[in-house]
C-alpha atoms as a PDB file:
ATOM      1  CA  UNK A   1      29.013  31.825   5.454  1.00  0.00           C
ATOM      2  CA  UNK A   2      26.424  32.290   8.176  1.00  0.00           C
ATOM      3  CA  UNK A   3      22.648  32.643   8.061  1.00  0.00           C
ATOM      4  CA  UNK A   4      21.169  35.913  10.152  1.00  0.00           C
ATOM      5  CA  UNK A   5      17.793  34.491  11.406  1.00  0.00           C
ATOM      6  CA  UNK A   6      15.766  35.060  14.685  1.00  0.00           C
ATOM      7  CA  UNK A   7      15.337  31.129  16.632  1.00  0.00           C
ATOM      8  CA  UNK A   8      12.514  30.373  18.513  1.00  0.00           C
ATOM      9  CA  UNK A   9      13.888  30.835  21.957  1.00  0.00           C
ATOM     10  CA  UNK A  10      12.994  28.137  22.925  1.00  0.00           C
ATOM     11  CA  UNK A  11      14.848  25.366  20.872  1.00  0.00           C
ATOM     12  CA  UNK A  12      18.298  24.747  20.440  1.00  0.00           C
ATOM     13  CA  UNK A  13      20.749  24.629  17.640  1.00  0.00           C
ATOM     14  CA  UNK A  14      21.334  21.254  17.961  1.00  0.00           C
ATOM     15  CA  UNK A  15      16.898  21.011  17.775  1.00  0.00           C
ATOM     16  CA  UNK A  16      16.951  23.363  15.264  1.00  0.00           C
ATOM     17  CA  UNK A  17      19.490  21.273  12.847  1.00  0.00           C
ATOM     18  CA  UNK A  18      17.467  18.528  13.479  1.00  0.00           C
ATOM     19  CA  UNK A  19      14.149  20.072  12.273  1.00  0.00           C
ATOM     20  CA  UNK A  20      15.740  20.286   9.513  1.00  0.00           C
ATOM     21  CA  UNK A  21      17.037  17.091   8.958  1.00  0.00           C
ATOM     22  CA  UNK A  22      13.384  16.067   9.424  1.00  0.00           C
ATOM     23  CA  UNK A  23      11.999  18.340   7.143  1.00  0.00           C
ATOM     24  CA  UNK A  24      14.187  17.017   4.852  1.00  0.00           C
ATOM     25  CA  UNK A  25      13.418  14.218   5.103  1.00  0.00           C
ATOM     26  CA  UNK A  26      10.212  13.761   5.159  1.00  0.00           C
ATOM     27  CA  UNK A  27      10.088  15.904   1.692  1.00  0.00           C
ATOM     28  CA  UNK A  28      12.428  13.512   0.291  1.00  0.00           C
ATOM     29  CA  UNK A  29      10.014  10.784   1.100  1.00  0.00           C
ATOM     30  CA  UNK A  30       6.786  13.092  -0.257  1.00  0.00           C
ATOM     31  CA  UNK A  31       8.770  13.856  -3.741  1.00  0.00           C
ATOM     32  CA  UNK A  32       9.414   9.880  -3.912  1.00  0.00           C
ATOM     33  CA  UNK A  33       5.875   9.164  -3.596  1.00  0.00           C
ATOM     34  CA  UNK A  34       4.845  11.810  -5.532  1.00  0.00           C
ATOM     35  CA  UNK A  35       6.910  10.746  -8.703  1.00  0.00           C
ATOM     36  CA  UNK A  36       5.625   7.096  -7.843  1.00  0.00           C
ATOM     37  CA  UNK A  37       2.291   8.804  -7.566  1.00  0.00           C
ATOM     38  CA  UNK A  38       2.967   9.769 -10.706  1.00  0.00           C
ATOM     39  CA  UNK A  39       4.039   6.521 -12.578  1.00  0.00           C
ATOM     40  CA  UNK A  40       0.447   4.969 -12.016  1.00  0.00           C
ATOM     41  CA  UNK A  41      -1.463   6.090 -14.129  1.00  0.00           C
ATOM     42  CA  UNK A  42       1.231   5.522 -16.755  1.00  0.00           C
ATOM     43  CA  UNK A  43       0.802   1.400 -16.023  1.00  0.00           C
ATOM     44  CA  UNK A  44      -2.052   1.942 -16.194  1.00  0.00           C
ATOM     45  CA  UNK A  45      -2.744   3.154 -19.470  1.00  0.00           C
ATOM     46  CA  UNK A  46      -0.251   0.323 -20.603  1.00  0.00           C
ATOM     47  CA  UNK A  47      -2.575  -2.061 -18.760  1.00  0.00           C
ATOM     48  CA  UNK A  48      -5.104  -0.737 -20.997  1.00  0.00           C
ATOM     49  CA  UNK A  49      -3.492  -0.898 -24.380  1.00  0.00           C
ATOM     50  CA  UNK A  50      -2.522  -4.636 -23.507  1.00  0.00           C
ATOM     51  CA  UNK A  51      -5.890  -5.500 -22.953  1.00  0.00           C
ATOM     52  CA  UNK A  52      -7.087  -3.173 -25.969  1.00  0.00           C
ATOM     53  CA  UNK A  53      -3.924  -5.427 -28.140  1.00  0.00           C
ATOM     54  CA  UNK A  54      -5.842  -9.075 -26.324  1.00  0.00           C
ATOM     55  CA  UNK A  55      -8.938  -7.722 -27.652  1.00  0.00           C
ATOM     56  CA  UNK A  56      -7.680  -6.534 -30.910  1.00  0.00           C
ATOM     57  CA  UNK A  57      -5.982 -10.706 -31.620  1.00  0.00           C
ATOM     58  CA  UNK A  58      -9.017 -12.189 -30.987  1.00  0.00           C
ATOM     59  CA  UNK A  59     -11.329  -9.627 -33.162  1.00  0.00           C
ATOM     60  CA  UNK A  60      -8.649 -10.722 -35.794  1.00  0.00           C
ATOM     61  CA  UNK A  61      -8.771 -14.205 -35.332  1.00  0.00           C
ATOM     62  CA  UNK A  62     -12.530 -14.397 -35.527  1.00  0.00           C
ATOM     63  CA  UNK A  63     -12.415 -12.027 -38.270  1.00  0.00           C
ATOM     64  CA  UNK A  64     -10.057 -14.923 -40.521  1.00  0.00           C
ATOM     65  CA  UNK A  65     -12.594 -17.343 -39.312  1.00  0.00           C
ATOM     66  CA  UNK A  66     -15.845 -15.414 -40.572  1.00  0.00           C
ATOM     67  CA  UNK A  67     -13.933 -14.470 -43.529  1.00  0.00           C
ATOM     68  CA  UNK A  68     -12.740 -18.692 -44.291  1.00  0.00           C
ATOM     69  CA  UNK A  69     -16.552 -19.480 -43.883  1.00  0.00           C
ATOM     70  CA  UNK A  70     -17.600 -16.942 -46.071  1.00  0.00           C
ATOM     71  CA  UNK A  71     -15.206 -18.526 -48.718  1.00  0.00           C
ATOM     72  CA  UNK A  72     -16.423 -22.086 -48.063  1.00  0.00           C
ATOM     73  CA  UNK A  73     -20.210 -21.149 -48.348  1.00  0.00           C
ATOM     74  CA  UNK A  74     -19.588 -19.225 -52.420  1.00  0.00           C
ATOM     75  CA  UNK A  75     -17.333 -22.472 -53.048  1.00  0.00           C
ATOM     76  CA  UNK A  76     -20.086 -24.663 -52.090  1.00  0.00           C
ATOM     77  CA  UNK A  77     -22.840 -22.559 -54.029  1.00  0.00           C
ATOM     78  CA  UNK A  78     -20.367 -22.719 -57.051  1.00  0.00           C
ATOM     79  CA  UNK A  79     -19.944 -26.639 -56.632  1.00  0.00           C
ATOM     80  CA  UNK A  80     -23.380 -26.521 -56.451  1.00  0.00           C
ATOM     81  CA  UNK A  81     -23.966 -24.429 -59.235  1.00  0.00           C
ATOM     82  CA  UNK A  82     -20.962 -26.794 -61.345  1.00  0.00           C
ATOM     83  CA  UNK A  83     -22.929 -30.312 -60.506  1.00  0.00           C
ATOM     84  CA  UNK A  84     -26.189 -28.736 -61.982  1.00  0.00           C
ATOM     85  CA  UNK A  85     -24.340 -27.624 -64.731  1.00  0.00           C
ATOM     86  CA  UNK A  86     -23.024 -31.253 -65.248  1.00  0.00           C
ATOM     87  CA  UNK A  87     -26.616 -32.497 -64.673  1.00  0.00           C
ATOM     88  CA  UNK A  88     -27.878 -29.907 -67.441  1.00  0.00           C
ATOM     89  CA  UNK A  89     -25.093 -30.914 -70.211  1.00  0.00           C
ATOM     90  CA  UNK A  90     -25.623 -35.169 -69.586  1.00  0.00           C
ATOM     91  CA  UNK A  91     -29.323 -34.118 -69.695  1.00  0.00           C
ATOM     92  CA  UNK A  92     -28.596 -33.004 -73.905  1.00  0.00           C
ATOM     93  CA  UNK A  93     -27.137 -36.612 -74.629  1.00  0.00           C
ATOM     94  CA  UNK A  94     -30.398 -37.975 -76.318  1.00  0.00           C
ATOM     95  CA  UNK A  95     -30.154 -34.722 -78.413  1.00  0.00           C
ATOM     96  CA  UNK A  96     -26.776 -35.260 -79.732  1.00  0.00           C
ATOM     97  CA  UNK A  97     -26.768 -35.821 -83.805  1.00  0.00           C
ATOM     98  CA  UNK A  98     -23.127 -36.471 -84.762  1.00  0.00           C
ATOM     99  CA  UNK A  99     -20.070 -37.946 -83.378  1.00  0.00           C
ATOM    100  CA  UNK A 100     -18.494 -34.391 -83.280  1.00  0.00           C
ATOM    101  CA  UNK A 101     -21.655 -33.000 -81.358  1.00  0.00           C
ATOM    102  CA  UNK A 102     -20.747 -36.318 -79.285  1.00  0.00           C
ATOM    103  CA  UNK A 103     -17.233 -35.583 -78.858  1.00  0.00           C
ATOM    104  CA  UNK A 104     -18.042 -31.717 -77.934  1.00  0.00           C
ATOM    105  CA  UNK A 105     -20.157 -32.396 -75.465  1.00  0.00           C
ATOM    106  CA  UNK A 106     -18.075 -34.967 -73.371  1.00  0.00           C
ATOM    107  CA  UNK A 107     -15.159 -32.238 -73.351  1.00  0.00           C
ATOM    108  CA  UNK A 108     -17.774 -29.392 -72.427  1.00  0.00           C
ATOM    109  CA  UNK A 109     -18.720 -31.844 -69.578  1.00  0.00           C
ATOM    110  CA  UNK A 110     -15.680 -33.003 -68.710  1.00  0.00           C
ATOM    111  CA  UNK A 111     -14.262 -29.374 -68.334  1.00  0.00           C
ATOM    112  CA  UNK A 112     -16.865 -28.233 -66.497  1.00  0.00           C
ATOM    113  CA  UNK A 113     -15.979 -31.395 -63.898  1.00  0.00           C
ATOM    114  CA  UNK A 114     -12.601 -30.438 -63.700  1.00  0.00           C
ATOM    115  CA  UNK A 115     -13.727 -26.680 -62.616  1.00  0.00           C
ATOM    116  CA  UNK A 116     -15.997 -28.725 -59.628  1.00  0.00           C
ATOM    117  CA  UNK A 117     -12.735 -30.854 -58.863  1.00  0.00           C
ATOM    118  CA  UNK A 118     -10.765 -27.709 -58.689  1.00  0.00           C
ATOM    119  CA  UNK A 119     -13.302 -26.561 -56.494  1.00  0.00           C
ATOM    120  CA  UNK A 120     -14.249 -29.316 -53.931  1.00  0.00           C
ATOM    121  CA  UNK A 121      -9.976 -28.651 -54.040  1.00  0.00           C
ATOM    122  CA  UNK A 122     -10.739 -25.070 -52.618  1.00  0.00           C
ATOM    123  CA  UNK A 123     -13.233 -26.634 -50.320  1.00  0.00           C
ATOM    124  CA  UNK A 124     -10.968 -28.731 -48.222  1.00  0.00           C
ATOM    125  CA  UNK A 125      -8.526 -26.504 -47.746  1.00  0.00           C
ATOM    126  CA  UNK A 126     -10.758 -23.545 -46.466  1.00  0.00           C
ATOM    127  CA  UNK A 127     -12.196 -26.400 -44.090  1.00  0.00           C
ATOM    128  CA  UNK A 128      -8.584 -26.984 -42.811  1.00  0.00           C
ATOM    129  CA  UNK A 129      -8.221 -23.265 -42.661  1.00  0.00           C
ATOM    130  CA  UNK A 130     -11.560 -23.077 -40.602  1.00  0.00           C
ATOM    131  CA  UNK A 131     -10.750 -25.636 -38.219  1.00  0.00           C
ATOM    132  CA  UNK A 132      -7.249 -24.092 -37.818  1.00  0.00           C
ATOM    133  CA  UNK A 133      -9.243 -20.732 -36.687  1.00  0.00           C
ATOM    134  CA  UNK A 134     -11.692 -22.577 -34.477  1.00  0.00           C
ATOM    135  CA  UNK A 135      -9.056 -23.688 -32.946  1.00  0.00           C
ATOM    136  CA  UNK A 136      -7.068 -20.184 -32.698  1.00  0.00           C
ATOM    137  CA  UNK A 137     -10.180 -18.822 -31.036  1.00  0.00           C
ATOM    138  CA  UNK A 138     -10.661 -21.103 -28.405  1.00  0.00           C
ATOM    139  CA  UNK A 139      -6.901 -20.700 -27.563  1.00  0.00           C
ATOM    140  CA  UNK A 140      -6.878 -16.815 -28.022  1.00  0.00           C
ATOM    141  CA  UNK A 141     -10.247 -16.848 -25.866  1.00  0.00           C
ATOM    142  CA  UNK A 142      -8.485 -18.788 -23.162  1.00  0.00           C
ATOM    143  CA  UNK A 143      -5.301 -16.591 -22.913  1.00  0.00           C
ATOM    144  CA  UNK A 144      -7.423 -13.596 -22.918  1.00  0.00           C
ATOM    145  CA  UNK A 145      -9.711 -14.668 -20.442  1.00  0.00           C
ATOM    146  CA  UNK A 146      -6.475 -14.996 -18.248  1.00  0.00           C
ATOM    147  CA  UNK A 147      -4.964 -12.219 -19.345  1.00  0.00           C
ATOM    148  CA  UNK A 148      -8.363 -10.029 -18.425  1.00  0.00           C
ATOM    149  CA  UNK A 149      -7.798 -11.551 -15.113  1.00  0.00           C
ATOM    150  CA  UNK A 150      -4.299 -11.122 -15.018  1.00  0.00           C
ATOM    151  CA  UNK A 151      -4.712  -7.121 -15.830  1.00  0.00           C
ATOM    152  CA  UNK A 152      -7.837  -6.726 -13.409  1.00  0.00           C
ATOM    153  CA  UNK A 153      -5.861  -8.208 -10.448  1.00  0.00           C
ATOM    154  CA  UNK A 154      -3.183  -5.695 -11.743  1.00  0.00           C
ATOM    155  CA  UNK A 155      -5.401  -2.735 -11.988  1.00  0.00           C
ATOM    156  CA  UNK A 156      -7.065  -3.371  -8.477  1.00  0.00           C
ATOM    157  CA  UNK A 157      -3.265  -3.313  -6.895  1.00  0.00           C
ATOM    158  CA  UNK A 158      -2.501   0.058  -9.046  1.00  0.00           C
ATOM    159  CA  UNK A 159      -5.943   1.448  -7.296  1.00  0.00           C
ATOM    160  CA  UNK A 160      -4.900   0.493  -3.896  1.00  0.00           C
ATOM    161  CA  UNK A 161      -1.538   1.422  -3.939  1.00  0.00           C
ATOM    162  CA  UNK A 162      -2.599   5.274  -5.272  1.00  0.00           C
ATOM    163  CA  UNK A 163      -5.201   5.264  -2.206  1.00  0.00           C
ATOM    164  CA  UNK A 164      -2.134   3.641  -0.376  1.00  0.00           C
ATOM    165  CA  UNK A 165       0.224   6.959  -1.690  1.00  0.00           C
ATOM    166  CA  UNK A 166      -2.930   8.939  -1.095  1.00  0.00           C
ATOM    167  CA  UNK A 167      -3.392   8.019   2.252  1.00  0.00           C
ATOM    168  CA  UNK A 168       0.372   8.195   3.110  1.00  0.00           C
ATOM    169  CA  UNK A 169       1.628  12.081   1.076  1.00  0.00           C
ATOM    170  CA  UNK A 170      -1.852  13.168   3.158  1.00  0.00           C
ATOM    171  CA  UNK A 171       0.172  11.456   6.362  1.00  0.00           C
ATOM    172  CA  UNK A 172       3.184  13.121   5.055  1.00  0.00           C
ATOM    173  CA  UNK A 173       1.913  16.749   4.702  1.00  0.00           C
ATOM    174  CA  UNK A 174       0.843  17.033   8.602  1.00  0.00           C
ATOM    175  CA  UNK A 175       3.979  15.373   9.647  1.00  0.00           C
ATOM    176  CA  UNK A 176       5.634  17.921   7.424  1.00  0.00           C
ATOM    177  CA  UNK A 177       3.731  20.881   8.535  1.00  0.00           C
ATOM    178  CA  UNK A 178       3.916  20.009  12.433  1.00  0.00           C
ATOM    179  CA  UNK A 179       7.938  20.221  11.672  1.00  0.00           C
ATOM    180  CA  UNK A 180       8.086  23.257   9.784  1.00  0.00           C
ATOM    181  CA  UNK A 181       5.785  25.070  12.415  1.00  0.00           C
ATOM    182  CA  UNK A 182       8.950  24.272  14.481  1.00  0.00           C
ATOM    183  CA  UNK A 183      11.121  26.276  12.283  1.00  0.00           C
ATOM    184  CA  UNK A 184      12.059  29.395  12.625  1.00  0.00           C
ATOM    185  CA  UNK A 185      10.348  31.457   9.329  1.00  0.00           C
ATOM    186  CA  UNK A 186      13.374  33.206   7.885  1.00  0.00           C
ATOM    187  CA  UNK A 187      15.666  29.624   7.724  1.00  0.00           C
ATOM    188  CA  UNK A 188      12.179  28.323   6.668  1.00  0.00           C
ATOM    189  CA  UNK A 189      12.238  30.843   3.910  1.00  0.00           C
ATOM    190  CA  UNK A 190      16.243  29.903   3.281  1.00  0.00           C
ATOM    191  CA  UNK A 191      15.067  26.409   3.470  1.00  0.00           C
ATOM    192  CA  UNK A 192      12.413  26.423   0.701  1.00  0.00           C
ATOM    193  CA  UNK A 193      14.470  28.414  -1.537  1.00  0.00           C
ATOM    194  CA  UNK A 194      17.545  26.044  -1.708  1.00  0.00           C
ATOM    195  CA  UNK A 195      15.355  23.521  -1.616  1.00  0.00           C
ATOM    196  CA  UNK A 196      14.789  23.346  -5.692  1.00  0.00           C
ATOM    197  CA  UNK A 197      18.172  24.498  -6.037  1.00  0.00           C
ATOM    198  CA  UNK A 198      19.767  21.805  -4.241  1.00  0.00           C
ATOM    199  CA  UNK A 199      18.231  19.145  -6.147  1.00  0.00           C
ATOM    200  CA  UNK A 200      16.252  18.277  -2.144  1.00  0.00           C
ATOM    201  CA  UNK A 201      19.512  18.111  -0.367  1.00  0.00           C
ATOM    202  CA  UNK A 202      19.833  21.454   1.833  1.00  0.00           C
ATOM    203  CA  UNK A 203      20.969  19.856   4.469  1.00  0.00           C
ATOM    204  CA  UNK A 204      24.499  17.894   4.606  1.00  0.00           C
ATOM    205  CA  UNK A 205      26.981  16.514   6.654  1.00  0.00           C
ATOM    206  CA  UNK A 206      30.382  18.265   7.161  1.00  0.00           C
ATOM    207  CA  UNK A 207      32.577  15.177   7.100  1.00  0.00           C
ATOM    208  CA  UNK A 208      36.676  15.786   6.803  1.00  0.00           C
ATOM    209  CA  UNK A 209      36.685  19.170   6.138  1.00  0.00           C
ATOM    210  CA  UNK A 210      34.892  18.434   3.033  1.00  0.00           C
ATOM    211  CA  UNK A 211      30.685  19.673   2.301  1.00  0.00           C
ATOM    212  CA  UNK A 212      29.191  15.383   1.719  1.00  0.00           C
ATOM    213  CA  UNK A 213      26.800  17.970  -0.661  1.00  0.00           C
ATOM    214  CA  UNK A 214      29.358  19.012  -3.429  1.00  0.00           C
ATOM    215  CA  UNK A 215      32.529  17.371  -2.205  1.00  0.00           C
ATOM    216  CA  UNK A 216      34.229  20.908  -1.974  1.00  0.00           C
ATOM    217  CA  UNK A 217      36.867  21.335   0.786  1.00  0.00           C
ATOM    218  CA  UNK A 218      35.776  23.350   3.565  1.00  0.00           C
ATOM    219  CA  UNK A 219      37.961  25.836   5.204  1.00  0.00           C
ATOM    220  CA  UNK A 220      39.558  25.250   8.221  1.00  0.00           C
ATOM    221  CA  UNK A 221      37.751  27.936  10.681  1.00  0.00           C
ATOM    222  CA  UNK A 222      34.972  27.158   8.796  1.00  0.00           C
ATOM    223  CA  UNK A 223      34.735  23.519  10.038  1.00  0.00           C
ATOM    224  CA  UNK A 224      35.848  24.187  13.227  1.00  0.00           C
ATOM    225  CA  UNK A 225      32.893  26.564  13.861  1.00  0.00           C
ATOM    226  CA  UNK A 226      30.501  23.967  12.285  1.00  0.00           C
ATOM    227  CA  UNK A 227      32.037  21.515  14.647  1.00  0.00           C
ATOM    228  CA  UNK A 228      31.096  24.286  18.203  1.00  0.00           C
ATOM    229  CA  UNK A 229      27.429  23.644  16.753  1.00  0.00           C
ATOM    230  CA  UNK A 230      26.166  27.449  17.545  1.00  0.00           C
ATOM    231  CA  UNK A 231      25.283  28.834  14.887  1.00  0.00           C
ATOM    232  CA  UNK A 232      23.608  28.121  11.334  1.00  0.00           C
ATOM    233  CA  UNK A 233      26.910  27.700   8.534  1.00  0.00           C
ATOM    234  CA  UNK A 234      26.820  27.277   4.846  1.00  0.00           C
ATOM    235  CA  UNK A 235      28.863  25.771   2.467  1.00  0.00           C
ATOM    236  CA  UNK A 236      31.112  28.075   0.951  1.00  0.00           C
ATOM    237  CA  UNK A 237      31.126  26.371  -2.165  1.00  0.00           C
ATOM    238  CA  UNK A 238      27.109  25.235  -2.824  1.00  0.00           C
ATOM    239  CA  UNK A 239      25.154  27.175   0.072  1.00  0.00           C
ATOM    240  CA  UNK A 240      24.114  24.329   1.419  1.00  0.00           C
ATOM    241  CA  UNK A 241      23.370  24.512   5.689  1.00  0.00           C
ATOM    242  CA  UNK A 242      26.229  21.860   7.022  1.00  0.00           C
ATOM    243  CA  UNK A 243      26.025  20.019  10.457  1.00  0.00           C
ATOM    244  CA  UNK A 244      28.727  18.090  12.228  1.00  0.00           C
ATOM    245  CA  UNK A 245      27.305  14.492  13.149  1.00  0.00           C
ATOM    246  CA  UNK A 246      28.785  14.458  16.350  1.00  0.00           C
ATOM    247  CA  UNK A 247      27.274  17.641  17.687  1.00  0.00           C
ATOM    248  CA  UNK A 248      23.486  17.176  16.957  1.00  0.00           C
ATOM    249  CA  UNK A 249      23.776  12.953  17.928  1.00  0.00           C
ATOM    250  CA  UNK A 250      21.433  12.710  21.222  1.00  0.00           C
ATOM    251  CA  UNK A 251      23.683  12.559  24.102  1.00  0.00           C
ATOM    252  CA  UNK A 252      24.039   8.999  26.469  1.00  0.00           C
ATOM    253  CA  UNK A 253      24.692   9.550  30.129  1.00  0.00           C
END
């Protein structure tokens, strides 16, 4: 199949095909950079989520410490009240008149003292929990500080990468405009139409009587015409523009 187009008189077929190949290469580079640029915000969002997770972990450990400290304060008050209750019960001893009353008082004192012993055990456990939580906070703060520094460094790197991509895309855009300006408008329009249809591969090599785009066989006469390099020829199967590598390679003296 042949594309009928009015080409710039000052360009040879070799130059036209090379311009199309250059345009295709720079379009490929632009797509790759745009995809990389698209992923950067996602990576940055992942960093933010990691930062929030670190903060949540530290908050959780601090909350555990505060809970243990409050529980200890409550049990300290309970122990103080229990000690006061024992002293108050003991102060009633002089008023006891019978053995039965005395036995009952001793039993009551014993019960309160046993309760106080339970409270003391609770306080010891809470102190251990407080010490463990304090140590965990110290470790978590160290981890958080280190990870925060790493996240900041990665964030800076992402920002630098974004700026670099923006600069490269701008340069690619200028280079593309310059190349596109040298291609016949009709041929350029066909290239753009097929760029999306063919997944970015519009201009492909004809190799061994087959198309390297769809890998289907090319009729012998069409392959001969591609090798002659006198006109724009497309693959009859996938409609990609064909070129013969040796025909467009720079000639050596």
